[in-house]
Amino acid sequence: MRVTVCELPHEPRALAAAWADLCQHTERHASDLVLLPEFAMVDPVWESEFFDRGRWAATETLSDLWLQRLSELQAPYVVGSRPVSINDGRFNQGYIWSATRGLVPLRRKFFLPAEAGNWETTWFDRGDQAFPVYQAGPLAFGLNICTELWALDTYAGYAARGVQVILSPRATAAATTEKWLSIGVVAAVRSGAFSLSSNRVDPTGACGGVGWIISPNGEILATTSAEAPFATVNIDLGAPITARDEYPRYIFAGNSDGSR
């Protein structure tokens, strides 16, 4: 399966140019699945300490408009996260879009930071504590949204349930890139799955780009950069099956909760 990761800005003029380039890339590389960054194409509302109902509504509306354009990527599957209001709650909700079914909601982000520049508990309600396995055609995947990459206990369950790819839309700072890349490697090696992540990018460095594709054995197959903001790799969906019989996964086989 040909998978694509990216880094995208949210400022309107920069985004318009980047989106056009991404669409050309996915068409040229015949991408089967495209992973977009966390809250792609809309303002990083969580950077504000105080909630603004009008800004939330505008962000939700803009996101809905952009989601109507996912078909422009000409890929069978697109995964990302979006702002959504459900009853009296506000959530960071994962989604998968497909050419056949349209937009289908996935789990909502559960682990939310609360600190300067990342006031997510102010803007979002906690979502779903469970981390199910989803399908994109022949691909079985898990969704760990940004901070949830650090939910280490999810990886044993993914390994036990045959997840082939962990998808992680992010919004992480340039100064912390090495730390996030390291947890991407841990996610891959512990679960025996490919780790894919796409990140937002902005001129301040508050979001620093660098998407990645990492093999089940922790090899960094591709990363994105300012010079090359999109990366596509043809991954072998059979590789995770082999990887789970290798160190260190086989040691934990049969213990889906990661216990020893």
C-alpha atoms as a PDB file:
ATOM      1  CA  MET A   1       0.000   0.000   0.000  1.00  0.00           C
ATOM      2  CA  ARG A   2       1.324   3.432  -0.938  1.00  0.00           C
ATOM      3  CA  VAL A   3       1.063   5.743   2.073  1.00  0.00           C
ATOM      4  CA  THR A   4       1.697   9.496   2.180  1.00  0.00           C
ATOM      5  CA  VAL A   5       2.595  11.738   5.118  1.00  0.00           C
ATOM      6  CA  CYS A   6       2.941  15.500   4.992  1.00  0.00           C
ATOM      7  CA  GLU A   7       3.457  18.778   6.788  1.00  0.00           C
ATOM      8  CA  LEU A   8       0.942  21.559   6.145  1.00  0.00           C
ATOM      9  CA  PRO A   9       0.548  25.206   7.190  1.00  0.00           C
ATOM     10  CA  HIS A  10      -2.804  26.687   8.150  1.00  0.00           C
ATOM     11  CA  GLU A  11      -2.363  30.315   7.017  1.00  0.00           C
ATOM     12  CA  PRO A  12      -4.732  30.749   4.027  1.00  0.00           C
ATOM     13  CA  ARG A  13      -2.240  31.794   1.347  1.00  0.00           C
ATOM     14  CA  ALA A  14       0.442  29.302   2.354  1.00  0.00           C
ATOM     15  CA  LEU A  15      -2.146  26.558   2.733  1.00  0.00           C
ATOM     16  CA  ALA A  16      -3.625  27.131  -0.723  1.00  0.00           C
ATOM     17  CA  ALA A  17      -0.211  26.664  -2.323  1.00  0.00           C
ATOM     18  CA  ALA A  18       0.703  23.677  -0.149  1.00  0.00           C
ATOM     19  CA  TRP A  19      -2.629  21.972  -0.787  1.00  0.00           C
ATOM     20  CA  ALA A  20      -2.225  22.290  -4.554  1.00  0.00           C
ATOM     21  CA  ASP A  21       1.274  20.806  -4.293  1.00  0.00           C
ATOM     22  CA  LEU A  22       0.060  17.965  -2.065  1.00  0.00           C
ATOM     23  CA  CYS A  23      -2.704  17.086  -4.531  1.00  0.00           C
ATOM     24  CA  GLN A  24      -0.143  16.951  -7.335  1.00  0.00           C
ATOM     25  CA  HIS A  25       2.108  14.743  -5.192  1.00  0.00           C
ATOM     26  CA  THR A  26      -0.608  12.251  -4.256  1.00  0.00           C
ATOM     27  CA  GLU A  27      -1.793  12.004  -7.857  1.00  0.00           C
ATOM     28  CA  ARG A  28       1.758  11.552  -9.192  1.00  0.00           C
ATOM     29  CA  HIS A  29       2.608   8.897  -6.588  1.00  0.00           C
ATOM     30  CA  ALA A  30      -0.793   7.161  -6.770  1.00  0.00           C
ATOM     31  CA  SER A  31      -1.214   7.320  -2.983  1.00  0.00           C
ATOM     32  CA  ASP A  32      -3.584   4.782  -1.454  1.00  0.00           C
ATOM     33  CA  LEU A  33      -3.758   6.498   1.943  1.00  0.00           C
ATOM     34  CA  VAL A  34      -2.943  10.079   2.917  1.00  0.00           C
ATOM     35  CA  LEU A  35      -2.440  11.086   6.550  1.00  0.00           C
ATOM     36  CA  LEU A  36      -3.121  14.760   7.301  1.00  0.00           C
ATOM     37  CA  PRO A  37      -1.880  16.663  10.395  1.00  0.00           C
ATOM     38  CA  GLU A  38      -3.928  17.243  13.527  1.00  0.00           C
ATOM     39  CA  PHE A  39      -6.655  19.824  12.861  1.00  0.00           C
ATOM     40  CA  ALA A  40      -5.265  20.311   9.348  1.00  0.00           C
ATOM     41  CA  MET A  41      -6.196  23.536   7.536  1.00  0.00           C
ATOM     42  CA  VAL A  42      -7.630  25.404  10.561  1.00  0.00           C
ATOM     43  CA  ASP A  43      -6.364  27.649  13.360  1.00  0.00           C
ATOM     44  CA  PRO A  44      -4.513  26.113  16.339  1.00  0.00           C
ATOM     45  CA  VAL A  45      -7.172  27.285  18.780  1.00  0.00           C
ATOM     46  CA  TRP A  46      -5.492  25.467  21.690  1.00  0.00           C
ATOM     47  CA  GLU A  47      -2.711  28.057  21.714  1.00  0.00           C
ATOM     48  CA  SER A  48      -5.180  30.482  23.367  1.00  0.00           C
ATOM     49  CA  GLU A  49      -5.666  30.103  27.116  1.00  0.00           C
ATOM     50  CA  PHE A  50      -9.286  31.250  27.086  1.00  0.00           C
ATOM     51  CA  PHE A  51     -12.137  29.659  25.190  1.00  0.00           C
ATOM     52  CA  ASP A  52     -13.895  31.745  22.522  1.00  0.00           C
ATOM     53  CA  ARG A  53     -17.214  30.328  21.332  1.00  0.00           C
ATOM     54  CA  GLY A  54     -17.220  32.398  18.145  1.00  0.00           C
ATOM     55  CA  ARG A  55     -13.725  31.274  17.214  1.00  0.00           C
ATOM     56  CA  TRP A  56     -14.641  27.656  17.858  1.00  0.00           C
ATOM     57  CA  ALA A  57     -17.689  27.918  15.601  1.00  0.00           C
ATOM     58  CA  ALA A  58     -15.652  29.557  12.834  1.00  0.00           C
ATOM     59  CA  THR A  59     -12.958  26.882  13.095  1.00  0.00           C
ATOM     60  CA  GLU A  60     -15.525  24.110  12.921  1.00  0.00           C
ATOM     61  CA  THR A  61     -17.158  25.683   9.862  1.00  0.00           C
ATOM     62  CA  LEU A  62     -13.839  26.140   8.064  1.00  0.00           C
ATOM     63  CA  SER A  63     -12.851  22.558   8.804  1.00  0.00           C
ATOM     64  CA  ASP A  64     -16.128  21.271   7.360  1.00  0.00           C
ATOM     65  CA  LEU A  65     -15.514  23.255   4.170  1.00  0.00           C
ATOM     66  CA  TRP A  66     -12.017  21.841   3.759  1.00  0.00           C
ATOM     67  CA  LEU A  67     -13.173  18.282   4.423  1.00  0.00           C
ATOM     68  CA  GLN A  68     -15.425  18.593   1.382  1.00  0.00           C
ATOM     69  CA  ARG A  69     -12.244  18.908  -0.705  1.00  0.00           C
ATOM     70  CA  LEU A  70     -10.561  15.664   0.354  1.00  0.00           C
ATOM     71  CA  SER A  71     -11.496  14.061  -2.959  1.00  0.00           C
ATOM     72  CA  GLU A  72      -9.012  16.442  -4.608  1.00  0.00           C
ATOM     73  CA  LEU A  73      -6.222  14.261  -3.202  1.00  0.00           C
ATOM     74  CA  GLN A  74      -7.439  11.462  -5.499  1.00  0.00           C
ATOM     75  CA  ALA A  75      -6.555   8.871  -2.861  1.00  0.00           C
ATOM     76  CA  PRO A  76      -8.909   6.066  -1.805  1.00  0.00           C
ATOM     77  CA  TYR A  77      -8.393   6.902   1.893  1.00  0.00           C
ATOM     78  CA  VAL A  78      -7.587  10.046   3.888  1.00  0.00           C
ATOM     79  CA  VAL A  79      -7.173  10.106   7.684  1.00  0.00           C
ATOM     80  CA  GLY A  80      -6.899  13.120  10.001  1.00  0.00           C
ATOM     81  CA  SER A  81      -8.578  14.869  12.920  1.00  0.00           C
ATOM     82  CA  ARG A  82     -11.090  17.719  13.084  1.00  0.00           C
ATOM     83  CA  PRO A  83     -13.035  19.944  15.497  1.00  0.00           C
ATOM     84  CA  VAL A  84     -16.552  18.691  16.136  1.00  0.00           C
ATOM     85  CA  SER A  85     -19.399  19.559  18.496  1.00  0.00           C
ATOM     86  CA  ILE A  86     -21.498  16.659  19.768  1.00  0.00           C
ATOM     87  CA  ASN A  87     -24.418  17.504  22.052  1.00  0.00           C
ATOM     88  CA  ASP A  88     -22.829  19.813  24.656  1.00  0.00           C
ATOM     89  CA  GLY A  89     -19.272  18.588  24.066  1.00  0.00           C
ATOM     90  CA  ARG A  90     -16.407  19.834  21.902  1.00  0.00           C
ATOM     91  CA  PHE A  91     -13.971  17.241  20.627  1.00  0.00           C
ATOM     92  CA  ASN A  92     -10.853  16.610  18.599  1.00  0.00           C
ATOM     93  CA  GLN A  93     -12.232  13.776  16.510  1.00  0.00           C
ATOM     94  CA  GLY A  94     -10.371  11.452  14.195  1.00  0.00           C
ATOM     95  CA  TYR A  95     -11.905  10.603  10.836  1.00  0.00           C
ATOM     96  CA  ILE A  96     -11.356   8.477   7.778  1.00  0.00           C
ATOM     97  CA  TRP A  97     -12.574   9.647   4.395  1.00  0.00           C
ATOM     98  CA  SER A  98     -12.983   7.224   1.540  1.00  0.00           C
ATOM     99  CA  ALA A  99     -14.073   7.650  -2.036  1.00  0.00           C
ATOM    100  CA  THR A 100     -16.856   5.120  -1.471  1.00  0.00           C
ATOM    101  CA  ARG A 101     -18.179   6.009   2.009  1.00  0.00           C
ATOM    102  CA  GLY A 102     -17.312   9.668   2.428  1.00  0.00           C
ATOM    103  CA  LEU A 103     -16.394  10.917   5.911  1.00  0.00           C
ATOM    104  CA  VAL A 104     -16.616   8.403   8.756  1.00  0.00           C
ATOM    105  CA  PRO A 105     -15.871   9.499  12.358  1.00  0.00           C
ATOM    106  CA  LEU A 106     -13.272   7.598  14.367  1.00  0.00           C
ATOM    107  CA  ARG A 107     -12.288   7.876  18.030  1.00  0.00           C
ATOM    108  CA  ARG A 108     -12.046  11.242  19.783  1.00  0.00           C
ATOM    109  CA  LYS A 109      -8.810  12.353  21.448  1.00  0.00           C
ATOM    110  CA  PHE A 110      -8.722  11.379  25.120  1.00  0.00           C
ATOM    111  CA  PHE A 111      -5.346  12.538  26.444  1.00  0.00           C
ATOM    112  CA  LEU A 112      -5.277  16.349  26.478  1.00  0.00           C
ATOM    113  CA  PRO A 113      -2.431  18.614  27.661  1.00  0.00           C
ATOM    114  CA  ALA A 114      -3.042  21.743  29.743  1.00  0.00           C
ATOM    115  CA  GLU A 115      -0.075  24.136  29.634  1.00  0.00           C
ATOM    116  CA  ALA A 116       1.099  27.331  27.993  1.00  0.00           C
ATOM    117  CA  GLY A 117       0.537  27.080  24.252  1.00  0.00           C
ATOM    118  CA  ASN A 118      -1.373  23.808  24.632  1.00  0.00           C
ATOM    119  CA  TRP A 119      -4.598  24.607  26.439  1.00  0.00           C
ATOM    120  CA  GLU A 120      -6.428  21.610  25.054  1.00  0.00           C
ATOM    121  CA  THR A 121      -8.499  20.950  28.174  1.00  0.00           C
ATOM    122  CA  THR A 122      -9.884  24.468  27.758  1.00  0.00           C
ATOM    123  CA  TRP A 123     -11.007  23.846  24.181  1.00  0.00           C
ATOM    124  CA  PHE A 124     -11.861  20.145  24.143  1.00  0.00           C
ATOM    125  CA  ASP A 125     -13.696  17.576  26.190  1.00  0.00           C
ATOM    126  CA  ARG A 126     -12.095  14.202  26.732  1.00  0.00           C
ATOM    127  CA  GLY A 127     -13.088  11.732  24.080  1.00  0.00           C
ATOM    128  CA  ASP A 128     -12.750   7.975  23.854  1.00  0.00           C
ATOM    129  CA  GLN A 129     -10.481   6.075  26.213  1.00  0.00           C
ATOM    130  CA  ALA A 130     -10.538   2.952  24.034  1.00  0.00           C
ATOM    131  CA  PHE A 131      -8.146   2.573  21.099  1.00  0.00           C
ATOM    132  CA  PRO A 132      -9.958   0.344  18.563  1.00  0.00           C
ATOM    133  CA  VAL A 133      -8.618  -1.180  15.370  1.00  0.00           C
ATOM    134  CA  TYR A 134      -9.943   0.387  12.165  1.00  0.00           C
ATOM    135  CA  GLN A 135      -9.825  -0.679   8.524  1.00  0.00           C
ATOM    136  CA  ALA A 136      -8.821   1.152   5.362  1.00  0.00           C
ATOM    137  CA  GLY A 137      -9.360  -1.529   2.765  1.00  0.00           C
ATOM    138  CA  PRO A 138      -6.777  -4.256   3.527  1.00  0.00           C
ATOM    139  CA  LEU A 139      -5.046  -2.061   6.130  1.00  0.00           C
ATOM    140  CA  ALA A 140      -5.712  -2.508   9.858  1.00  0.00           C
ATOM    141  CA  PHE A 141      -4.718   0.644  11.745  1.00  0.00           C
ATOM    142  CA  GLY A 142      -4.810   2.318  15.120  1.00  0.00           C
ATOM    143  CA  LEU A 143      -5.236   6.061  15.692  1.00  0.00           C
ATOM    144  CA  ASN A 144      -3.140   7.839  18.343  1.00  0.00           C
ATOM    145  CA  ILE A 145      -3.670  11.582  17.991  1.00  0.00           C
ATOM    146  CA  CYS A 146      -0.549  13.615  18.845  1.00  0.00           C
ATOM    147  CA  THR A 147      -0.065  13.382  22.649  1.00  0.00           C
ATOM    148  CA  GLU A 148      -1.562   9.896  22.493  1.00  0.00           C
ATOM    149  CA  LEU A 149       1.661   8.638  20.923  1.00  0.00           C
ATOM    150  CA  TRP A 150       2.872   8.594  24.551  1.00  0.00           C
ATOM    151  CA  ALA A 151       0.077   6.191  25.545  1.00  0.00           C
ATOM    152  CA  LEU A 152       2.584   3.332  25.652  1.00  0.00           C
ATOM    153  CA  ASP A 153       0.053   0.823  26.952  1.00  0.00           C
ATOM    154  CA  THR A 154      -1.811   0.939  23.635  1.00  0.00           C
ATOM    155  CA  TYR A 155       1.008  -0.721  21.705  1.00  0.00           C
ATOM    156  CA  ALA A 156       0.739  -4.157  23.297  1.00  0.00           C
ATOM    157  CA  GLY A 157      -2.953  -4.246  22.417  1.00  0.00           C
ATOM    158  CA  TYR A 158      -2.232  -3.209  18.856  1.00  0.00           C
ATOM    159  CA  ALA A 159       0.328  -5.994  18.506  1.00  0.00           C
ATOM    160  CA  ALA A 160      -2.117  -8.570  19.859  1.00  0.00           C
ATOM    161  CA  ARG A 161      -4.893  -7.438  17.501  1.00  0.00           C
ATOM    162  CA  GLY A 162      -2.808  -7.386  14.342  1.00  0.00           C
ATOM    163  CA  VAL A 163      -2.579  -3.646  13.705  1.00  0.00           C
ATOM    164  CA  GLN A 164      -0.352  -2.987  10.693  1.00  0.00           C
ATOM    165  CA  VAL A 165      -0.008   0.807  10.975  1.00  0.00           C
ATOM    166  CA  ILE A 166      -0.316   3.367  13.779  1.00  0.00           C
ATOM    167  CA  LEU A 167      -1.507   6.701  12.382  1.00  0.00           C
ATOM    168  CA  SER A 168      -0.675   9.838  14.371  1.00  0.00           C
ATOM    169  CA  PRO A 169      -1.792  13.301  13.229  1.00  0.00           C
ATOM    170  CA  ARG A 170       0.321  15.835  15.170  1.00  0.00           C
ATOM    171  CA  ALA A 171       0.688  19.497  16.104  1.00  0.00           C
ATOM    172  CA  THR A 172       4.129  19.558  17.742  1.00  0.00           C
ATOM    173  CA  ALA A 173       6.837  22.209  18.053  1.00  0.00           C
ATOM    174  CA  ALA A 174      10.043  22.343  16.040  1.00  0.00           C
ATOM    175  CA  ALA A 175      12.096  22.359  19.258  1.00  0.00           C
ATOM    176  CA  THR A 176      10.707  18.936  20.264  1.00  0.00           C
ATOM    177  CA  THR A 177      11.110  17.123  16.939  1.00  0.00           C
ATOM    178  CA  GLU A 178      13.759  14.646  18.125  1.00  0.00           C
ATOM    179  CA  LYS A 179      11.655  13.666  21.130  1.00  0.00           C
ATOM    180  CA  TRP A 180       8.598  13.001  18.968  1.00  0.00           C
ATOM    181  CA  LEU A 181      10.572  11.086  16.387  1.00  0.00           C
ATOM    182  CA  SER A 182      11.934   8.875  19.166  1.00  0.00           C
ATOM    183  CA  ILE A 183       8.434   7.963  20.363  1.00  0.00           C
ATOM    184  CA  GLY A 184       7.476   7.204  16.777  1.00  0.00           C
ATOM    185  CA  VAL A 185      10.290   4.653  16.712  1.00  0.00           C
ATOM    186  CA  VAL A 186       9.143   3.180  20.051  1.00  0.00           C
ATOM    187  CA  ALA A 187       5.566   2.905  18.756  1.00  0.00           C
ATOM    188  CA  ALA A 188       6.751   0.959  15.723  1.00  0.00           C
ATOM    189  CA  VAL A 189       9.177  -1.347  17.527  1.00  0.00           C
ATOM    190  CA  ARG A 190       6.867  -2.169  20.465  1.00  0.00           C
ATOM    191  CA  SER A 191       3.768  -2.776  18.332  1.00  0.00           C
ATOM    192  CA  GLY A 192       5.489  -4.377  15.354  1.00  0.00           C
ATOM    193  CA  ALA A 193       3.567  -1.988  13.096  1.00  0.00           C
ATOM    194  CA  PHE A 194       4.510   0.866  10.805  1.00  0.00           C
ATOM    195  CA  SER A 195       4.361   4.278  12.483  1.00  0.00           C
ATOM    196  CA  LEU A 196       3.085   7.155  10.337  1.00  0.00           C
ATOM    197  CA  SER A 197       2.755  10.756  11.429  1.00  0.00           C
ATOM    198  CA  SER A 198       1.976  14.084   9.739  1.00  0.00           C
ATOM    199  CA  ASN A 199       2.550  17.419  11.474  1.00  0.00           C
ATOM    200  CA  ARG A 200       1.383  20.990  11.148  1.00  0.00           C
ATOM    201  CA  VAL A 201       3.953  23.686  10.370  1.00  0.00           C
ATOM    202  CA  ASP A 202       4.008  27.448  10.924  1.00  0.00           C
ATOM    203  CA  PRO A 203       6.622  30.214  10.765  1.00  0.00           C
ATOM    204  CA  THR A 204       6.862  30.574  14.561  1.00  0.00           C
ATOM    205  CA  GLY A 205       8.004  27.004  15.096  1.00  0.00           C
ATOM    206  CA  ALA A 206       5.069  26.330  17.434  1.00  0.00           C
ATOM    207  CA  CYS A 207       4.340  23.551  14.959  1.00  0.00           C
ATOM    208  CA  GLY A 208       7.507  22.330  13.323  1.00  0.00           C
ATOM    209  CA  GLY A 209       6.579  19.902  10.578  1.00  0.00           C
ATOM    210  CA  VAL A 210       8.535  16.659  10.101  1.00  0.00           C
ATOM    211  CA  GLY A 211       6.159  13.871   9.243  1.00  0.00           C
ATOM    212  CA  TRP A 212       7.538  10.342   9.254  1.00  0.00           C
ATOM    213  CA  ILE A 213       7.146   6.792   8.024  1.00  0.00           C
ATOM    214  CA  ILE A 214       8.888   4.250  10.293  1.00  0.00           C
ATOM    215  CA  SER A 215       9.140   0.503   9.704  1.00  0.00           C
ATOM    216  CA  PRO A 216       8.038  -2.127  12.262  1.00  0.00           C
ATOM    217  CA  ASN A 217      11.705  -2.605  13.180  1.00  0.00           C
ATOM    218  CA  GLY A 218      12.252   1.093  13.858  1.00  0.00           C
ATOM    219  CA  GLU A 219      13.913   2.077  10.574  1.00  0.00           C
ATOM    220  CA  ILE A 220      13.050   5.630   9.534  1.00  0.00           C
ATOM    221  CA  LEU A 221      11.964   5.112   5.934  1.00  0.00           C
ATOM    222  CA  ALA A 222      11.060   8.740   5.198  1.00  0.00           C
ATOM    223  CA  THR A 223      10.640  12.132   6.836  1.00  0.00           C
ATOM    224  CA  THR A 224       9.250  15.399   5.543  1.00  0.00           C
ATOM    225  CA  SER A 225      10.948  18.797   5.654  1.00  0.00           C
ATOM    226  CA  ALA A 226      10.472  22.355   4.447  1.00  0.00           C
ATOM    227  CA  GLU A 227      12.263  21.384   1.236  1.00  0.00           C
ATOM    228  CA  ALA A 228      10.302  18.136   0.805  1.00  0.00           C
ATOM    229  CA  PRO A 229       7.004  18.531   2.699  1.00  0.00           C
ATOM    230  CA  PHE A 230       5.445  15.295   1.405  1.00  0.00           C
ATOM    231  CA  ALA A 231       6.710  11.720   1.489  1.00  0.00           C
ATOM    232  CA  THR A 232       5.248   8.544   0.004  1.00  0.00           C
ATOM    233  CA  VAL A 233       6.439   4.995   0.639  1.00  0.00           C
ATOM    234  CA  ASN A 234       5.086   1.699  -0.631  1.00  0.00           C
ATOM    235  CA  ILE A 235       4.790  -0.346   2.563  1.00  0.00           C
ATOM    236  CA  ASP A 236       4.512  -4.119   2.778  1.00  0.00           C
ATOM    237  CA  LEU A 237       1.396  -4.948   4.809  1.00  0.00           C
ATOM    238  CA  GLY A 238       2.856  -8.374   5.523  1.00  0.00           C
ATOM    239  CA  ALA A 239       5.897  -6.929   7.301  1.00  0.00           C
ATOM    240  CA  PRO A 240       4.155  -6.558  10.696  1.00  0.00           C
ATOM    241  CA  ILE A 241       3.320 -10.286  10.715  1.00  0.00           C
ATOM    242  CA  THR A 242       6.999 -11.153  10.445  1.00  0.00           C
ATOM    243  CA  ALA A 243       8.007  -8.411  12.873  1.00  0.00           C
ATOM    244  CA  ARG A 244       5.820  -9.772  15.667  1.00  0.00           C
ATOM    245  CA  ASP A 245       7.823 -12.990  15.725  1.00  0.00           C
ATOM    246  CA  GLU A 246      11.011 -10.997  16.303  1.00  0.00           C
ATOM    247  CA  TYR A 247      12.563  -9.278  19.326  1.00  0.00           C
ATOM    248  CA  PRO A 248      11.167  -7.690  21.409  1.00  0.00           C
ATOM    249  CA  ARG A 249       7.580  -8.479  20.422  1.00  0.00           C
ATOM    250  CA  TYR A 250       7.711 -12.258  20.823  1.00  0.00           C
ATOM    251  CA  ILE A 251       8.678 -11.843  24.486  1.00  0.00           C
ATOM    252  CA  PHE A 252       5.306 -10.263  25.223  1.00  0.00           C
ATOM    253  CA  ALA A 253       3.222 -12.514  22.968  1.00  0.00           C
ATOM    254  CA  GLY A 254       0.045 -13.631  24.690  1.00  0.00           C
ATOM    255  CA  ASN A 255       0.078 -10.666  27.111  1.00  0.00           C
ATOM    256  CA  SER A 256      -2.122  -8.140  25.326  1.00  0.00           C
ATOM    257  CA  ASP A 257      -1.948  -5.806  28.318  1.00  0.00           C
ATOM    258  CA  GLY A 258       1.850  -5.783  28.172  1.00  0.00           C
ATOM    259  CA  SER A 259       2.226  -7.570  31.532  1.00  0.00           C
ATOM    260  CA  ARG A 260       5.089  -9.942  32.244  1.00  0.00           C
END
